[in-house]
Amino acid sequence: MAPGDVRGPARLEIDRVPNGSQARLVWDLEVRRPILRTAARVARPLLQWGHDWVVSNGVAQFRRAATARTHET
């Protein structure tokens, strides 16, 4: 479960693919705070853009770190 402003189950699925693996985060979250629920209804495109930006940057940082560690050995 992810507690806080959002809540719900999440899981990481990892599949083998040619030349490596593929990871996918699957979640079913509920916005808990009333102010965020209102914002989600009013400004959904802006919130979606912000979310996508944060996730994209997090994935890029993870890939850089994982690749750097792979090449260190």
C-alpha atoms as a PDB file:
ATOM      1  CA  MET A   1       0.000   0.000   0.000  1.00  0.00           C
ATOM      2  CA  ALA A   2       1.119   3.561  -0.687  1.00  0.00           C
ATOM      3  CA  PRO A   3       0.062   5.774   2.246  1.00  0.00           C
ATOM      4  CA  GLY A   4      -0.281   9.554   2.353  1.00  0.00           C
ATOM      5  CA  ASP A   5      -1.971  11.789  -0.220  1.00  0.00           C
ATOM      6  CA  VAL A   6      -2.726   8.746  -2.324  1.00  0.00           C
ATOM      7  CA  ARG A   7      -3.468   5.246  -1.162  1.00  0.00           C
ATOM      8  CA  GLY A   8      -3.782   1.873  -2.791  1.00  0.00           C
ATOM      9  CA  PRO A   9      -1.961  -1.230  -3.926  1.00  0.00           C
ATOM     10  CA  ALA A  10       1.042  -1.123  -6.229  1.00  0.00           C
ATOM     11  CA  ARG A  11       3.321  -3.798  -7.628  1.00  0.00           C
ATOM     12  CA  LEU A  12       6.413  -4.020  -9.780  1.00  0.00           C
ATOM     13  CA  GLU A  13       6.220  -6.552 -12.619  1.00  0.00           C
ATOM     14  CA  ILE A  14       9.469  -7.626 -14.278  1.00  0.00           C
ATOM     15  CA  ASP A  15       9.451  -9.617 -17.506  1.00  0.00           C
ATOM     16  CA  ARG A  16      12.284 -11.117 -19.503  1.00  0.00           C
ATOM     17  CA  VAL A  17      12.629  -9.703 -22.983  1.00  0.00           C
ATOM     18  CA  PRO A  18      15.267 -10.250 -25.659  1.00  0.00           C
ATOM     19  CA  ASN A  19      18.568  -8.751 -24.448  1.00  0.00           C
ATOM     20  CA  GLY A  20      17.379  -7.953 -20.918  1.00  0.00           C
ATOM     21  CA  SER A  21      14.286  -7.308 -18.891  1.00  0.00           C
ATOM     22  CA  GLN A  22      11.353  -4.915 -18.792  1.00  0.00           C
ATOM     23  CA  ALA A  23       9.899  -3.459 -15.585  1.00  0.00           C
ATOM     24  CA  ARG A  24       6.388  -2.112 -15.225  1.00  0.00           C
ATOM     25  CA  LEU A  25       4.812  -0.427 -12.188  1.00  0.00           C
ATOM     26  CA  VAL A  26       1.122  -1.281 -11.838  1.00  0.00           C
ATOM     27  CA  TRP A  27      -0.984   0.639  -9.340  1.00  0.00           C
ATOM     28  CA  ASP A  28      -4.575   1.356  -8.402  1.00  0.00           C
ATOM     29  CA  LEU A  29      -4.381   4.511  -6.322  1.00  0.00           C
ATOM     30  CA  GLU A  30      -7.064   6.669  -4.757  1.00  0.00           C
ATOM     31  CA  VAL A  31      -6.511  10.364  -4.038  1.00  0.00           C
ATOM     32  CA  ARG A  32      -7.231  10.802  -0.323  1.00  0.00           C
ATOM     33  CA  ARG A  33      -7.005  14.546   0.328  1.00  0.00           C
ATOM     34  CA  PRO A  34     -10.115  16.511  -0.668  1.00  0.00           C
ATOM     35  CA  ILE A  35      -8.040  19.415  -2.021  1.00  0.00           C
ATOM     36  CA  LEU A  36      -6.184  17.069  -4.348  1.00  0.00           C
ATOM     37  CA  ARG A  37      -9.414  15.447  -5.517  1.00  0.00           C
ATOM     38  CA  THR A  38     -10.779  18.886  -6.381  1.00  0.00           C
ATOM     39  CA  ALA A  39      -7.549  19.828  -8.138  1.00  0.00           C
ATOM     40  CA  ALA A  40      -7.682  16.564 -10.112  1.00  0.00           C
ATOM     41  CA  ARG A  41     -11.128  17.470 -11.421  1.00  0.00           C
ATOM     42  CA  VAL A  42     -10.291  21.093 -12.211  1.00  0.00           C
ATOM     43  CA  ALA A  43      -6.707  20.913 -13.445  1.00  0.00           C
ATOM     44  CA  ARG A  44      -6.318  17.321 -14.594  1.00  0.00           C
ATOM     45  CA  PRO A  45      -4.173  18.092 -17.692  1.00  0.00           C
ATOM     46  CA  LEU A  46      -1.709  20.121 -15.605  1.00  0.00           C
ATOM     47  CA  LEU A  47      -1.534  17.462 -12.884  1.00  0.00           C
ATOM     48  CA  GLN A  48      -1.081  14.738 -15.515  1.00  0.00           C
ATOM     49  CA  TRP A  49       1.750  16.695 -17.127  1.00  0.00           C
ATOM     50  CA  GLY A  50       3.452  17.167 -13.744  1.00  0.00           C
ATOM     51  CA  HIS A  51       3.056  13.498 -12.869  1.00  0.00           C
ATOM     52  CA  ASP A  52       4.419  12.360 -16.231  1.00  0.00           C
ATOM     53  CA  TRP A  53       7.392  14.726 -15.864  1.00  0.00           C
ATOM     54  CA  VAL A  54       8.252  13.435 -12.383  1.00  0.00           C
ATOM     55  CA  VAL A  55       7.919   9.773 -13.412  1.00  0.00           C
ATOM     56  CA  SER A  56       9.932  10.287 -16.609  1.00  0.00           C
ATOM     57  CA  ASN A  57      12.771  11.937 -14.698  1.00  0.00           C
ATOM     58  CA  GLY A  58      12.705   9.228 -12.032  1.00  0.00           C
ATOM     59  CA  VAL A  59      12.918   6.498 -14.657  1.00  0.00           C
ATOM     60  CA  ALA A  60      15.789   8.288 -16.400  1.00  0.00           C
ATOM     61  CA  GLN A  61      17.700   8.614 -13.106  1.00  0.00           C
ATOM     62  CA  PHE A  62      17.117   4.947 -12.325  1.00  0.00           C
ATOM     63  CA  ARG A  63      18.347   3.896 -15.761  1.00  0.00           C
ATOM     64  CA  ARG A  64      21.493   6.016 -15.439  1.00  0.00           C
ATOM     65  CA  ALA A  65      22.243   4.565 -12.006  1.00  0.00           C
ATOM     66  CA  ALA A  66      21.514   0.981 -13.083  1.00  0.00           C
ATOM     67  CA  THR A  67      23.623   1.341 -16.226  1.00  0.00           C
ATOM     68  CA  ALA A  68      26.521   2.916 -14.317  1.00  0.00           C
ATOM     69  CA  ARG A  69      26.536   0.037 -11.832  1.00  0.00           C
ATOM     70  CA  THR A  70      26.387  -2.517 -14.643  1.00  0.00           C
ATOM     71  CA  HIS A  71      29.429  -0.987 -16.341  1.00  0.00           C
ATOM     72  CA  GLU A  72      31.457  -0.746 -13.111  1.00  0.00           C
ATOM     73  CA  THR A  73      31.948  -4.532 -12.878  1.00  0.00           C
END
